[in-house]
Amino acid sequence: MANVQATVQRVMAVSQTFREVSGVLLSEAQKKHASSALDDAGLAKVREAYRKTLAQASDMLVDLDDALAQSLDVPLGQIEQATKKLKESEEAIAKAATLMNVALKVAEAAAAVALLVGAPTPAGAAAAVAAIGDAISAAT
């Protein structure tokens, strides 16, 4: 039972990181929009990426609930390391010149992790880690 609780906490932490990073991106986009450094279309793209990221972060938790009944075995170690790097890159993400691209990459990474939680496979883990790496690379 302790292992299940630890897994739940780990997935919740990953989901929270995606929500926090997405919030930073949206906040920065709103600031840039207010200063006319980002046009309406750019702000709309960031808002859509934000919405998608929040939906995927939520889906991770729903899928976790579903998977618990099937004795979840998600390879979380690599995902946690990658999302830790993503969180550490938050300042660079906020300052990224290509804010829309970073927001889209974060949304893609959240989707990859949500898919992994729903259907854990080694290939899925590799894809999720790669997607998180793409988001970090886009920001730096």
N, C-alpha and C. Protein backbone atom coordinates (compact mmCIF):
# COMPACT_ATOMS: atom_id res chain seq x y z
N MET A 1 0.81 -1.20 0.00
CA MET A 1 0.00 0.00 0.00
C MET A 1 0.86 1.26 0.00
N ALA A 2 1.98 1.23 0.71
CA ALA A 2 2.87 2.38 0.74
C ALA A 2 3.40 2.69 -0.65
N ASN A 3 3.67 1.65 -1.44
CA ASN A 3 4.16 1.85 -2.81
C ASN A 3 3.10 2.55 -3.65
N VAL A 4 1.85 2.19 -3.49
CA VAL A 4 0.76 2.83 -4.22
C VAL A 4 0.66 4.29 -3.83
N GLN A 5 0.74 4.58 -2.54
CA GLN A 5 0.68 5.97 -2.09
C GLN A 5 1.84 6.78 -2.65
N ALA A 6 3.01 6.19 -2.67
CA ALA A 6 4.17 6.89 -3.22
C ALA A 6 3.98 7.16 -4.71
N THR A 7 3.43 6.19 -5.42
CA THR A 7 3.18 6.38 -6.85
C THR A 7 2.17 7.49 -7.08
N VAL A 8 1.12 7.50 -6.30
CA VAL A 8 0.09 8.54 -6.41
C VAL A 8 0.73 9.91 -6.17
N GLN A 9 1.53 10.03 -5.13
CA GLN A 9 2.18 11.31 -4.82
C GLN A 9 3.11 11.74 -5.94
N ARG A 10 3.83 10.79 -6.53
CA ARG A 10 4.76 11.11 -7.61
C ARG A 10 4.02 11.61 -8.84
N VAL A 11 2.95 10.93 -9.22
CA VAL A 11 2.18 11.36 -10.39
C VAL A 11 1.54 12.72 -10.11
N MET A 12 1.06 12.93 -8.90
CA MET A 12 0.48 14.23 -8.56
C MET A 12 1.53 15.34 -8.65
N ALA A 13 2.75 15.07 -8.23
CA ALA A 13 3.82 16.07 -8.31
C ALA A 13 4.16 16.41 -9.76
N VAL A 14 4.20 15.39 -10.62
CA VAL A 14 4.46 15.63 -12.04
C VAL A 14 3.34 16.48 -12.64
N SER A 15 2.11 16.12 -12.34
CA SER A 15 0.95 16.88 -12.83
C SER A 15 1.01 18.33 -12.34
N GLN A 16 1.35 18.52 -11.09
CA GLN A 16 1.45 19.87 -10.52
C GLN A 16 2.53 20.68 -11.23
N THR A 17 3.66 20.06 -11.54
CA THR A 17 4.73 20.77 -12.23
C THR A 17 4.25 21.29 -13.58
N PHE A 18 3.53 20.45 -14.33
CA PHE A 18 3.01 20.91 -15.61
C PHE A 18 2.05 22.08 -15.42
N ARG A 19 1.20 22.02 -14.41
CA ARG A 19 0.26 23.13 -14.18
C ARG A 19 1.01 24.41 -13.82
N GLU A 20 2.03 24.30 -12.97
CA GLU A 20 2.79 25.48 -12.55
C GLU A 20 3.55 26.10 -13.71
N VAL A 21 4.25 25.28 -14.48
CA VAL A 21 5.02 25.80 -15.62
C VAL A 21 4.08 26.44 -16.64
N SER A 22 2.97 25.80 -16.88
CA SER A 22 1.99 26.35 -17.81
C SER A 22 1.46 27.69 -17.32
N GLY A 23 1.24 27.81 -16.02
CA GLY A 23 0.80 29.07 -15.44
C GLY A 23 1.82 30.18 -15.62
N VAL A 24 3.11 29.85 -15.46
CA VAL A 24 4.17 30.82 -15.67
C VAL A 24 4.16 31.30 -17.12
N LEU A 25 4.00 30.37 -18.04
CA LEU A 25 3.96 30.74 -19.46
C LEU A 25 2.79 31.66 -19.76
N LEU A 26 1.62 31.34 -19.24
CA LEU A 26 0.44 32.18 -19.48
C LEU A 26 0.63 33.56 -18.87
N SER A 27 1.16 33.62 -17.66
CA SER A 27 1.38 34.90 -17.00
C SER A 27 2.34 35.77 -17.81
N GLU A 28 3.41 35.17 -18.28
CA GLU A 28 4.38 35.91 -19.08
C GLU A 28 3.77 36.36 -20.40
N ALA A 29 2.97 35.52 -21.01
CA ALA A 29 2.31 35.89 -22.26
C ALA A 29 1.37 37.08 -22.04
N GLN A 30 0.66 37.06 -20.92
CA GLN A 30 -0.25 38.17 -20.62
C GLN A 30 0.52 39.47 -20.41
N LYS A 31 1.68 39.38 -19.74
CA LYS A 31 2.52 40.57 -19.55
C LYS A 31 3.02 41.09 -20.90
N LYS A 32 3.48 40.18 -21.74
CA LYS A 32 3.98 40.59 -23.06
C LYS A 32 2.86 41.16 -23.91
N HIS A 33 1.68 40.61 -23.80
CA HIS A 33 0.53 41.13 -24.54
C HIS A 33 0.18 42.53 -24.05
N ALA A 34 0.19 42.74 -22.74
CA ALA A 34 -0.13 44.05 -22.18
C ALA A 34 0.87 45.12 -22.62
N SER A 35 2.12 44.71 -22.85
CA SER A 35 3.14 45.67 -23.28
C SER A 35 3.28 45.70 -24.81
N SER A 36 2.35 45.06 -25.49
CA SER A 36 2.32 45.00 -26.96
C SER A 36 3.49 44.22 -27.56
N ALA A 37 4.16 43.42 -26.75
CA ALA A 37 5.25 42.59 -27.26
C ALA A 37 4.74 41.27 -27.82
N LEU A 38 3.46 40.98 -27.59
CA LEU A 38 2.84 39.76 -28.10
C LEU A 38 1.46 40.15 -28.63
N ASP A 39 1.17 39.75 -29.86
CA ASP A 39 -0.11 40.13 -30.45
C ASP A 39 -1.24 39.23 -29.96
N ASP A 40 -2.46 39.56 -30.37
CA ASP A 40 -3.64 38.82 -29.93
C ASP A 40 -3.56 37.35 -30.35
N ALA A 41 -3.09 37.10 -31.56
CA ALA A 41 -2.99 35.72 -32.05
C ALA A 41 -1.99 34.92 -31.21
N GLY A 42 -0.88 35.54 -30.87
CA GLY A 42 0.11 34.86 -30.03
C GLY A 42 -0.43 34.54 -28.65
N LEU A 43 -1.14 35.50 -28.07
CA LEU A 43 -1.74 35.26 -26.76
C LEU A 43 -2.77 34.14 -26.85
N ALA A 44 -3.53 34.12 -27.91
CA ALA A 44 -4.54 33.06 -28.09
C ALA A 44 -3.87 31.69 -28.17
N LYS A 45 -2.73 31.60 -28.86
CA LYS A 45 -2.01 30.32 -28.97
C LYS A 45 -1.50 29.87 -27.60
N VAL A 46 -0.97 30.81 -26.82
CA VAL A 46 -0.48 30.45 -25.49
C VAL A 46 -1.64 30.03 -24.60
N ARG A 47 -2.76 30.73 -24.68
CA ARG A 47 -3.93 30.35 -23.89
C ARG A 47 -4.41 28.95 -24.26
N GLU A 48 -4.42 28.63 -25.54
CA GLU A 48 -4.85 27.29 -25.97
C GLU A 48 -3.88 26.22 -25.46
N ALA A 49 -2.58 26.51 -25.54
CA ALA A 49 -1.58 25.56 -25.01
C ALA A 49 -1.76 25.39 -23.51
N TYR A 50 -2.05 26.48 -22.82
CA TYR A 50 -2.30 26.44 -21.37
C TYR A 50 -3.50 25.54 -21.08
N ARG A 51 -4.58 25.73 -21.83
CA ARG A 51 -5.78 24.93 -21.63
C ARG A 51 -5.49 23.45 -21.88
N LYS A 52 -4.75 23.16 -22.94
CA LYS A 52 -4.42 21.77 -23.25
C LYS A 52 -3.53 21.16 -22.17
N THR A 53 -2.57 21.94 -21.69
CA THR A 53 -1.68 21.43 -20.64
C THR A 53 -2.46 21.13 -19.37
N LEU A 54 -3.36 22.03 -18.97
CA LEU A 54 -4.17 21.78 -17.78
C LEU A 54 -5.04 20.54 -17.96
N ALA A 55 -5.60 20.39 -19.16
CA ALA A 55 -6.43 19.21 -19.42
C ALA A 55 -5.61 17.93 -19.32
N GLN A 56 -4.40 17.94 -19.87
CA GLN A 56 -3.54 16.76 -19.81
C GLN A 56 -3.10 16.47 -18.37
N ALA A 57 -2.79 17.53 -17.62
CA ALA A 57 -2.40 17.33 -16.23
C ALA A 57 -3.55 16.72 -15.44
N SER A 58 -4.75 17.16 -15.74
CA SER A 58 -5.93 16.58 -15.10
C SER A 58 -6.14 15.13 -15.55
N ASP A 59 -5.95 14.89 -16.84
CA ASP A 59 -6.09 13.53 -17.36
C ASP A 59 -5.12 12.56 -16.70
N MET A 60 -3.92 13.05 -16.36
CA MET A 60 -2.95 12.19 -15.68
C MET A 60 -3.56 11.65 -14.39
N LEU A 61 -4.25 12.52 -13.66
CA LEU A 61 -4.83 12.11 -12.39
C LEU A 61 -6.02 11.18 -12.58
N VAL A 62 -6.82 11.44 -13.60
CA VAL A 62 -7.95 10.54 -13.90
C VAL A 62 -7.42 9.17 -14.31
N ASP A 63 -6.41 9.17 -15.20
CA ASP A 63 -5.82 7.90 -15.64
C ASP A 63 -5.17 7.16 -14.48
N LEU A 64 -4.60 7.92 -13.56
CA LEU A 64 -4.00 7.31 -12.38
C LEU A 64 -5.06 6.56 -11.58
N ASP A 65 -6.20 7.19 -11.39
CA ASP A 65 -7.29 6.53 -10.67
C ASP A 65 -7.68 5.23 -11.37
N ASP A 66 -7.79 5.28 -12.70
CA ASP A 66 -8.16 4.09 -13.47
C ASP A 66 -7.08 3.01 -13.37
N ALA A 67 -5.83 3.44 -13.42
CA ALA A 67 -4.73 2.47 -13.43
C ALA A 67 -4.47 1.84 -12.07
N LEU A 68 -4.86 2.51 -11.00
CA LEU A 68 -4.62 1.95 -9.67
C LEU A 68 -5.28 0.59 -9.50
N ALA A 69 -6.41 0.43 -10.12
CA ALA A 69 -7.10 -0.86 -10.04
C ALA A 69 -6.33 -1.95 -10.78
N GLN A 70 -5.42 -1.55 -11.65
CA GLN A 70 -4.65 -2.52 -12.46
C GLN A 70 -3.20 -2.60 -12.00
N SER A 71 -2.93 -2.22 -10.76
CA SER A 71 -1.59 -2.23 -10.18
C SER A 71 -0.59 -1.50 -11.06
N LEU A 72 -0.65 -0.20 -11.00
CA LEU A 72 0.13 0.72 -11.81
C LEU A 72 1.63 0.47 -11.66
N ASP A 73 2.30 0.46 -12.78
CA ASP A 73 3.76 0.34 -12.79
C ASP A 73 4.33 1.30 -13.83
N VAL A 74 4.18 2.59 -13.58
CA VAL A 74 4.69 3.61 -14.49
C VAL A 74 6.16 3.88 -14.16
N PRO A 75 7.02 3.92 -15.16
CA PRO A 75 8.44 4.23 -14.91
C PRO A 75 8.61 5.71 -14.60
N LEU A 76 8.32 6.08 -13.35
CA LEU A 76 8.27 7.49 -12.98
C LEU A 76 9.63 8.14 -12.76
N GLY A 77 10.65 7.38 -12.49
CA GLY A 77 11.95 7.97 -12.18
C GLY A 77 12.44 8.93 -13.25
N GLN A 78 12.43 8.48 -14.50
CA GLN A 78 12.89 9.33 -15.61
C GLN A 78 11.98 10.54 -15.78
N ILE A 79 10.69 10.33 -15.64
CA ILE A 79 9.73 11.42 -15.80
C ILE A 79 9.95 12.46 -14.72
N GLU A 80 10.15 12.01 -13.48
CA GLU A 80 10.37 12.95 -12.38
C GLU A 80 11.65 13.75 -12.59
N GLN A 81 12.71 13.10 -13.05
CA GLN A 81 13.96 13.81 -13.30
C GLN A 81 13.77 14.86 -14.38
N ALA A 82 13.07 14.50 -15.44
CA ALA A 82 12.86 15.44 -16.53
C ALA A 82 11.97 16.60 -16.11
N THR A 83 10.90 16.32 -15.35
CA THR A 83 10.03 17.42 -14.91
C THR A 83 10.72 18.29 -13.87
N LYS A 84 11.66 17.72 -13.11
CA LYS A 84 12.45 18.54 -12.19
C LYS A 84 13.29 19.54 -12.99
N LYS A 85 13.88 19.08 -14.08
CA LYS A 85 14.65 19.98 -14.94
C LYS A 85 13.74 21.03 -15.56
N LEU A 86 12.54 20.63 -15.93
CA LEU A 86 11.57 21.57 -16.49
C LEU A 86 11.25 22.65 -15.45
N LYS A 87 11.02 22.25 -14.23
CA LYS A 87 10.72 23.19 -13.14
C LYS A 87 11.91 24.12 -12.91
N GLU A 88 13.12 23.57 -12.95
CA GLU A 88 14.32 24.38 -12.76
C GLU A 88 14.50 25.38 -13.90
N SER A 89 13.95 25.09 -15.05
CA SER A 89 14.05 25.96 -16.22
C SER A 89 12.95 27.01 -16.25
N GLU A 90 12.13 27.08 -15.20
CA GLU A 90 10.97 27.95 -15.19
C GLU A 90 11.33 29.40 -15.48
N GLU A 91 12.43 29.89 -14.90
CA GLU A 91 12.83 31.28 -15.13
C GLU A 91 13.19 31.50 -16.60
N ALA A 92 13.93 30.57 -17.16
CA ALA A 92 14.28 30.68 -18.58
C ALA A 92 13.03 30.58 -19.45
N ILE A 93 12.10 29.74 -19.03
CA ILE A 93 10.85 29.58 -19.77
C ILE A 93 10.09 30.90 -19.80
N ALA A 94 10.03 31.57 -18.68
CA ALA A 94 9.30 32.83 -18.60
C ALA A 94 9.94 33.90 -19.49
N LYS A 95 11.24 33.82 -19.67
CA LYS A 95 11.95 34.82 -20.46
C LYS A 95 12.11 34.42 -21.92
N ALA A 96 11.65 33.25 -22.26
CA ALA A 96 11.86 32.74 -23.62
C ALA A 96 11.25 33.68 -24.66
N ALA A 97 12.03 33.93 -25.67
CA ALA A 97 11.56 34.80 -26.75
C ALA A 97 10.47 34.09 -27.55
N THR A 98 10.55 32.79 -27.63
CA THR A 98 9.57 32.02 -28.40
C THR A 98 8.54 31.42 -27.45
N LEU A 99 7.86 32.29 -26.75
CA LEU A 99 6.91 31.89 -25.71
C LEU A 99 5.86 30.92 -26.24
N MET A 100 5.34 31.19 -27.42
CA MET A 100 4.30 30.32 -27.97
C MET A 100 4.84 28.92 -28.22
N ASN A 101 6.05 28.82 -28.76
CA ASN A 101 6.65 27.52 -29.03
C ASN A 101 6.86 26.75 -27.73
N VAL A 102 7.36 27.43 -26.70
CA VAL A 102 7.58 26.77 -25.41
C VAL A 102 6.25 26.27 -24.84
N ALA A 103 5.22 27.10 -24.92
CA ALA A 103 3.91 26.70 -24.40
C ALA A 103 3.39 25.46 -25.11
N LEU A 104 3.57 25.41 -26.42
CA LEU A 104 3.12 24.25 -27.19
C LEU A 104 3.94 23.00 -26.82
N LYS A 105 5.24 23.17 -26.61
CA LYS A 105 6.09 22.03 -26.23
C LYS A 105 5.72 21.51 -24.85
N VAL A 106 5.38 22.41 -23.92
CA VAL A 106 4.96 21.98 -22.58
C VAL A 106 3.65 21.20 -22.68
N ALA A 107 2.74 21.68 -23.52
CA ALA A 107 1.47 20.98 -23.72
C ALA A 107 1.71 19.59 -24.31
N GLU A 108 2.62 19.49 -25.27
CA GLU A 108 2.95 18.19 -25.86
C GLU A 108 3.56 17.26 -24.82
N ALA A 109 4.43 17.79 -23.97
CA ALA A 109 5.06 16.97 -22.93
C ALA A 109 4.01 16.47 -21.94
N ALA A 110 3.09 17.34 -21.56
CA ALA A 110 2.03 16.92 -20.64
C ALA A 110 1.18 15.82 -21.26
N ALA A 111 0.91 15.93 -22.54
CA ALA A 111 0.13 14.90 -23.24
C ALA A 111 0.89 13.57 -23.24
N ALA A 112 2.19 13.62 -23.48
CA ALA A 112 2.99 12.39 -23.50
C ALA A 112 3.00 11.71 -22.13
N VAL A 113 3.09 12.51 -21.07
CA VAL A 113 3.08 11.93 -19.72
C VAL A 113 1.70 11.37 -19.40
N ALA A 114 0.65 12.08 -19.80
CA ALA A 114 -0.70 11.58 -19.56
C ALA A 114 -0.92 10.24 -20.27
N LEU A 115 -0.43 10.12 -21.49
CA LEU A 115 -0.53 8.85 -22.21
C LEU A 115 0.23 7.75 -21.49
N LEU A 116 1.39 8.10 -20.97
CA LEU A 116 2.21 7.11 -20.26
C LEU A 116 1.50 6.61 -19.01
N VAL A 117 0.87 7.52 -18.27
CA VAL A 117 0.17 7.10 -17.05
C VAL A 117 -0.98 6.17 -17.41
N GLY A 118 -1.67 6.48 -18.51
CA GLY A 118 -2.79 5.65 -18.93
C GLY A 118 -2.38 4.30 -19.48
N ALA A 119 -1.22 4.23 -20.14
CA ALA A 119 -0.74 3.00 -20.75
C ALA A 119 0.78 2.95 -20.63
N PRO A 120 1.30 2.53 -19.48
CA PRO A 120 2.74 2.55 -19.25
C PRO A 120 3.51 1.55 -20.12
N THR A 121 4.46 2.08 -20.87
CA THR A 121 5.37 1.26 -21.67
C THR A 121 6.75 1.91 -21.64
N PRO A 122 7.81 1.15 -21.86
CA PRO A 122 9.14 1.76 -21.94
C PRO A 122 9.23 2.78 -23.08
N ALA A 123 8.60 2.50 -24.21
CA ALA A 123 8.61 3.44 -25.33
C ALA A 123 7.86 4.71 -24.97
N GLY A 124 6.76 4.57 -24.24
CA GLY A 124 6.01 5.74 -23.79
C GLY A 124 6.83 6.59 -22.83
N ALA A 125 7.58 5.94 -21.95
CA ALA A 125 8.44 6.66 -21.01
C ALA A 125 9.51 7.44 -21.77
N ALA A 126 10.11 6.79 -22.74
CA ALA A 126 11.14 7.46 -23.54
C ALA A 126 10.55 8.65 -24.30
N ALA A 127 9.36 8.48 -24.84
CA ALA A 127 8.71 9.57 -25.57
C ALA A 127 8.38 10.73 -24.63
N ALA A 128 7.92 10.43 -23.43
CA ALA A 128 7.59 11.48 -22.47
C ALA A 128 8.83 12.25 -22.05
N VAL A 129 9.91 11.53 -21.76
CA VAL A 129 11.16 12.19 -21.38
C VAL A 129 11.67 13.06 -22.53
N ALA A 130 11.58 12.55 -23.74
CA ALA A 130 12.03 13.32 -24.91
C ALA A 130 11.17 14.58 -25.09
N ALA A 131 9.88 14.46 -24.88
CA ALA A 131 9.00 15.63 -25.03
C ALA A 131 9.30 16.69 -23.97
N ILE A 132 9.58 16.26 -22.75
CA ILE A 132 9.95 17.21 -21.70
C ILE A 132 11.28 17.87 -22.06
N GLY A 133 12.21 17.09 -22.57
CA GLY A 133 13.50 17.64 -23.01
C GLY A 133 13.32 18.66 -24.11
N ASP A 134 12.40 18.41 -25.03
CA ASP A 134 12.11 19.37 -26.10
C ASP A 134 11.59 20.68 -25.53
N ALA A 135 10.74 20.60 -24.50
CA ALA A 135 10.21 21.81 -23.86
C ALA A 135 11.33 22.60 -23.20
N ILE A 136 12.22 21.89 -22.53
CA ILE A 136 13.36 22.57 -21.88
C ILE A 136 14.27 23.21 -22.92
N SER A 137 14.54 22.48 -24.00
CA SER A 137 15.39 23.00 -25.07
C SER A 137 14.78 24.23 -25.72
N ALA A 138 13.48 24.22 -25.90
CA ALA A 138 12.80 25.37 -26.52
C ALA A 138 12.92 26.60 -25.65
N ALA A 139 13.03 26.41 -24.34
CA ALA A 139 13.06 27.53 -23.41
C ALA A 139 14.46 28.10 -23.24
N THR A 140 15.46 27.32 -23.53
CA THR A 140 16.83 27.78 -23.26
C THR A 140 17.61 28.04 -24.51
